[in-house]
Amino acid sequence: MALLPNRDSAKAADRKAKTQAAQDEALLREVDDAVRTDQYRHVWTRYGIYIIGVVVLGLIAFAAVLFFSGQSEGNRESESETLVTALDQVEAGNLDQADEALAPLAEDGRGGGKTQAQMLRAGIALEQGRAKEAAELFSQVAADKDVPQPVRDLAELRAVVAGYDSMKPAEVIRRLTPLAQPDQPYYGSAGEILAMAYLEGGDKERAGKLFGEIAMDDDVPDTIRGRARQMASSLGVDAVGDVDELIESLRGSAGAGGAPPMGAQPE
């Protein structure tokens, strides 16, 4: 009597083959990522300040919290008009006119209106390549104890981004370490820059470890996790995790058009 084929063995062999194929694909990706590491670093050096970028129009979201506290109705209306006019100029590409309209409010205003104007002016300055001025404006907001802490943290992060090229790694590390913690809202962005500061300071071990932690954190945006995974792999840190999950994630990214190229402005 002939023996029936062992279906469980066939399934196990099939699963093993699929797992091996996935591992091979992941390995090839890691090798390819390592080859591109030098290019990544070159892009970071040249365009690093744009990785986080300046989402000028997005800053208007803070107005809902900041606008309507501690100011007279007349002041609110005047400041609202100034900000709306400036945003219209930004949308039209008239950055100089927008900056000019915001200057009085940013310098002599009060409360949320002043903060909003400072952030917008800093964003305009960075967009125009005036990184030093942008860093100073962001730093003013970060140092203002009357500003809500989440806004101060964002301003501090953007100040470091704007001034990164002129700062020593030790200064970047000092300023971003408090923000680059898993329980902080800007952990992914701050952690990525902090890890680059470690790397440029010669501490490859800490850089690789932090890149790996960012890559494995599900709360971090996929674009940041992808870059962190590349850097961690190039530094000898296993940041792939579950191979099947990684392959599925990569397929999903490909179906959605993939991640934006390095140096592109975030949405």
Protein backbone atom coordinates (compact mmCIF):
# COMPACT_ATOMS: atom_id res chain seq x y z
CA MET A 1 0.00 0.00 0.00
CA ALA A 2 1.51 3.35 -1.07
CA LEU A 3 2.13 5.94 1.59
CA LEU A 4 0.21 9.20 1.30
CA PRO A 5 2.30 12.37 1.11
CA ASN A 6 2.70 14.20 4.37
CA ARG A 7 0.71 17.38 3.87
CA ASP A 8 2.03 18.97 7.06
CA SER A 9 5.59 18.43 5.86
CA ALA A 10 4.75 20.00 2.52
CA LYS A 11 3.22 23.03 4.20
CA ALA A 12 6.19 23.36 6.52
CA ALA A 13 8.57 23.20 3.57
CA ASP A 14 6.50 25.82 1.75
CA ARG A 15 6.56 28.13 4.78
CA LYS A 16 10.28 27.60 5.15
CA ALA A 17 10.86 28.46 1.49
CA LYS A 18 8.77 31.64 1.77
CA THR A 19 10.59 32.67 4.94
CA GLN A 20 13.96 32.08 3.30
CA ALA A 21 12.91 34.13 0.28
CA ALA A 22 11.78 36.97 2.50
CA GLN A 23 15.03 36.86 4.45
CA ASP A 24 17.03 36.88 1.23
CA GLU A 25 15.09 39.87 -0.02
CA ALA A 26 15.61 41.71 3.27
CA LEU A 27 19.33 40.91 3.15
CA LEU A 28 19.61 42.25 -0.38
CA ARG A 29 17.86 45.42 0.70
CA GLU A 30 20.27 45.84 3.63
CA VAL A 31 23.26 45.41 1.35
CA ASP A 32 21.81 47.92 -1.09
CA ASP A 33 21.10 50.33 1.77
CA ALA A 34 24.67 50.01 3.02
CA VAL A 35 25.99 50.79 -0.44
CA ARG A 36 23.89 53.97 -0.46
CA THR A 37 25.02 55.11 2.99
CA ASP A 38 27.69 57.45 1.68
CA GLN A 39 25.12 59.04 -0.62
CA TYR A 40 22.71 59.39 2.30
CA ARG A 41 25.32 61.17 4.37
CA HIS A 42 26.15 63.49 1.48
CA VAL A 43 22.49 64.37 1.07
CA TRP A 44 22.15 64.92 4.83
CA THR A 45 25.14 67.25 4.88
CA ARG A 46 23.79 69.29 2.01
CA TYR A 47 20.06 69.19 2.68
CA GLY A 48 19.81 68.15 6.33
CA ILE A 49 17.92 71.22 7.41
CA TYR A 50 15.11 70.30 5.05
CA ILE A 51 14.55 66.75 6.33
CA ILE A 52 12.09 68.07 8.83
CA GLY A 53 11.54 71.20 6.78
CA VAL A 54 9.20 74.05 7.42
CA VAL A 55 5.51 73.47 7.01
CA VAL A 56 4.61 77.15 6.98
CA LEU A 57 0.89 76.77 6.43
CA GLY A 58 0.65 73.97 8.98
CA LEU A 59 1.62 76.33 11.77
CA ILE A 60 -1.79 77.93 11.55
CA ALA A 61 -3.10 75.03 13.62
CA PHE A 62 -1.53 76.57 16.69
CA ALA A 63 -3.67 79.65 16.27
CA ALA A 64 -6.73 77.78 17.50
CA VAL A 65 -5.06 77.30 20.87
CA LEU A 66 -3.10 80.51 21.13
CA PHE A 67 -5.30 83.12 19.55
CA PHE A 68 -8.17 83.48 21.95
CA SER A 69 -6.50 83.73 25.35
CA GLY A 70 -5.62 86.90 27.26
CA GLN A 71 -6.30 89.42 24.49
CA SER A 72 -9.04 91.94 23.77
CA GLU A 73 -11.46 91.30 20.95
CA GLY A 74 -10.03 94.24 19.01
CA ASN A 75 -6.49 92.90 19.28
CA ARG A 76 -7.62 89.45 18.21
CA GLU A 77 -9.34 90.80 15.15
CA SER A 78 -6.33 92.92 14.19
CA GLU A 79 -3.87 90.06 14.68
CA SER A 80 -6.12 87.62 12.85
CA GLU A 81 -6.27 89.98 9.91
CA THR A 82 -2.49 90.35 9.90
CA LEU A 83 -1.93 86.60 9.95
CA VAL A 84 -4.54 85.85 7.31
CA THR A 85 -3.06 88.52 5.05
CA ALA A 86 0.43 87.11 5.57
CA LEU A 87 -0.73 83.56 4.82
CA ASP A 88 -2.40 84.76 1.63
CA GLN A 89 0.93 86.28 0.61
CA VAL A 90 2.73 83.03 1.41
CA GLU A 91 0.29 81.03 -0.70
CA ALA A 92 0.86 83.47 -3.54
CA GLY A 93 4.64 83.06 -3.22
CA ASN A 94 5.17 86.62 -1.98
CA LEU A 95 7.38 85.72 0.96
CA ASP A 96 8.99 89.16 1.31
CA GLN A 97 5.59 90.85 1.58
CA ALA A 98 4.41 88.25 4.09
CA ASP A 99 7.52 88.74 6.21
CA GLU A 100 7.08 92.50 6.14
CA ALA A 101 3.44 92.21 7.23
CA LEU A 102 4.35 89.88 10.11
CA ALA A 103 7.32 91.87 11.45
CA PRO A 104 5.38 94.37 13.66
CA LEU A 105 3.29 91.62 15.25
CA ALA A 106 6.31 89.36 15.79
CA GLU A 107 8.31 92.17 17.42
CA ASP A 108 5.69 94.09 19.41
CA GLY A 109 2.70 91.76 19.65
CA ARG A 110 1.48 89.81 22.64
CA GLY A 111 0.45 86.26 23.40
CA GLY A 112 -0.52 83.78 20.72
CA GLY A 113 -0.53 86.27 17.89
CA LYS A 114 3.09 87.17 18.51
CA THR A 115 4.12 83.53 18.76
CA GLN A 116 2.35 82.66 15.54
CA ALA A 117 3.99 85.58 13.73
CA GLN A 118 7.44 84.59 15.01
CA MET A 119 7.01 81.00 13.88
CA LEU A 120 5.78 82.07 10.46
CA ARG A 121 8.62 84.56 10.02
CA ALA A 122 11.12 81.89 11.01
CA GLY A 123 9.61 79.51 8.48
CA ILE A 124 9.82 82.15 5.76
CA ALA A 125 13.44 82.91 6.64
CA LEU A 126 14.36 79.22 6.42
CA GLU A 127 12.50 78.87 3.13
CA GLN A 128 14.54 81.78 1.75
CA GLY A 129 17.85 80.32 2.91
CA ARG A 130 18.34 82.68 5.85
CA ALA A 131 19.07 79.83 8.25
CA LYS A 132 20.79 81.90 10.95
CA GLU A 133 17.89 84.33 11.20
CA ALA A 134 15.42 81.45 11.23
CA ALA A 135 17.29 79.75 14.07
CA GLU A 136 17.23 82.96 16.11
CA LEU A 137 13.49 83.42 15.64
CA PHE A 138 12.72 79.82 16.53
CA SER A 139 14.99 80.11 19.58
CA GLN A 140 13.07 83.18 20.78
CA VAL A 141 9.86 81.16 20.82
CA ALA A 142 11.59 78.21 22.51
CA ALA A 143 12.87 80.49 25.29
CA ASP A 144 9.48 82.15 25.97
CA LYS A 145 8.06 80.56 29.11
CA ASP A 146 4.60 81.97 28.37
CA VAL A 147 4.33 79.80 25.26
CA PRO A 148 2.78 76.31 25.65
CA GLN A 149 5.42 73.62 26.06
CA PRO A 150 4.58 71.65 22.89
CA VAL A 151 5.06 74.80 20.82
CA ARG A 152 8.33 75.58 22.61
CA ASP A 153 9.57 72.05 21.92
CA LEU A 154 8.71 72.36 18.24
CA ALA A 155 10.46 75.73 18.07
CA GLU A 156 13.56 74.28 19.75
CA LEU A 157 13.64 71.39 17.29
CA ARG A 158 13.31 73.73 14.32
CA ALA A 159 15.95 76.06 15.74
CA VAL A 160 18.44 73.19 15.86
CA VAL A 161 17.47 72.07 12.34
CA ALA A 162 17.94 75.59 11.00
CA GLY A 163 21.31 76.03 12.69
CA TYR A 164 22.57 72.46 12.34
CA ASP A 165 25.29 73.20 9.79
CA SER A 166 26.87 75.84 12.04
CA MET A 167 26.58 73.87 15.29
CA LYS A 168 29.02 71.44 16.86
CA PRO A 169 27.72 67.90 17.48
CA ALA A 170 27.98 68.40 21.25
CA GLU A 171 25.62 71.38 21.08
CA VAL A 172 23.11 69.48 18.99
CA ILE A 173 23.28 66.57 21.43
CA ARG A 174 22.75 68.85 24.44
CA ARG A 175 19.72 70.57 22.96
CA LEU A 176 17.98 67.60 21.39
CA THR A 177 18.48 64.88 23.98
CA PRO A 178 15.43 65.99 26.04
CA LEU A 179 13.26 65.91 22.90
CA ALA A 180 14.61 62.61 21.59
CA GLN A 181 12.85 60.47 24.17
CA PRO A 182 10.19 57.84 23.29
CA ASP A 183 7.52 59.64 25.33
CA GLN A 184 8.06 62.98 23.59
CA PRO A 185 5.88 64.10 20.63
CA TYR A 186 8.85 64.84 18.35
CA TYR A 187 10.84 61.74 19.24
CA GLY A 188 11.27 60.49 15.69
CA SER A 189 12.43 63.76 14.14
CA ALA A 190 14.58 64.83 17.09
CA GLY A 191 16.02 61.34 17.46
CA GLU A 192 17.03 61.15 13.80
CA ILE A 193 18.97 64.41 14.01
CA LEU A 194 20.45 63.46 17.39
CA ALA A 195 21.70 60.17 15.94
CA MET A 196 23.34 62.05 13.06
CA ALA A 197 25.04 64.31 15.61
CA TYR A 198 26.35 61.21 17.42
CA LEU A 199 27.65 59.89 14.10
CA GLU A 200 29.33 63.14 13.13
CA GLY A 201 30.83 63.31 16.63
CA GLY A 202 32.44 59.90 16.09
CA ASP A 203 30.15 57.86 18.35
CA LYS A 204 28.99 55.23 15.86
CA GLU A 205 27.80 52.86 18.59
CA ARG A 206 25.31 55.32 20.10
CA ALA A 207 24.26 56.49 16.66
CA GLY A 208 23.53 52.95 15.49
CA LYS A 209 21.68 52.10 18.69
CA LEU A 210 19.45 55.16 18.42
CA PHE A 211 18.77 54.63 14.72
CA GLY A 212 17.79 51.05 15.54
CA GLU A 213 15.42 52.13 18.31
CA ILE A 214 13.75 54.66 16.03
CA ALA A 215 13.39 52.09 13.25
CA MET A 216 11.64 49.65 15.59
CA ASP A 217 9.22 52.20 17.10
CA ASP A 218 5.76 51.81 15.57
CA ASP A 219 4.75 55.30 16.72
CA VAL A 220 7.39 56.94 14.51
CA PRO A 221 6.33 57.92 10.95
CA ASP A 222 7.25 55.33 8.33
CA THR A 223 9.46 57.71 6.34
CA ILE A 224 11.64 58.39 9.39
CA ARG A 225 11.68 54.71 10.32
CA GLY A 226 12.81 53.81 6.80
CA ARG A 227 15.75 56.22 6.89
CA ALA A 228 16.65 55.09 10.41
CA ARG A 229 16.58 51.45 9.29
CA GLN A 230 19.00 52.24 6.46
CA MET A 231 21.42 53.99 8.77
CA ALA A 232 21.17 51.37 11.51
CA SER A 233 21.89 48.59 9.02
CA SER A 234 24.89 50.45 7.61
CA LEU A 235 26.24 50.78 11.15
CA GLY A 236 25.86 47.07 11.87
CA VAL A 237 22.65 47.23 13.90
CA ASP A 238 19.82 44.81 13.11
CA ALA A 239 16.76 47.03 12.70
CA VAL A 240 14.77 44.74 10.41
CA GLY A 241 12.70 43.02 13.09
CA ASP A 242 9.95 40.77 11.77
CA VAL A 243 10.91 39.98 8.17
CA ASP A 244 7.37 39.23 6.98
CA GLU A 245 6.10 42.47 8.51
CA LEU A 246 8.92 44.41 6.86
CA ILE A 247 8.21 42.92 3.43
CA GLU A 248 4.50 43.69 3.81
CA SER A 249 5.31 47.25 4.83
CA LEU A 250 7.62 47.70 1.85
CA ARG A 251 4.96 46.37 -0.50
CA GLY A 252 2.45 48.80 0.99
CA SER A 253 4.87 51.69 0.52
CA ALA A 254 5.48 50.68 -3.07
CA GLY A 255 1.77 50.51 -3.74
CA ALA A 256 1.31 53.99 -2.32
CA GLY A 257 4.06 55.42 -4.48
CA GLY A 258 6.92 54.91 -2.04
CA ALA A 259 8.57 57.32 0.33
CA PRO A 260 9.58 60.79 -0.90
CA PRO A 261 13.21 61.23 -1.93
CA MET A 262 15.68 62.57 0.56
CA GLY A 263 15.72 66.34 0.68
CA ALA A 264 12.09 66.66 -0.39
CA GLN A 265 9.84 68.86 1.71
CA PRO A 266 7.52 66.85 3.97
CA GLU A 267 3.81 67.19 3.47
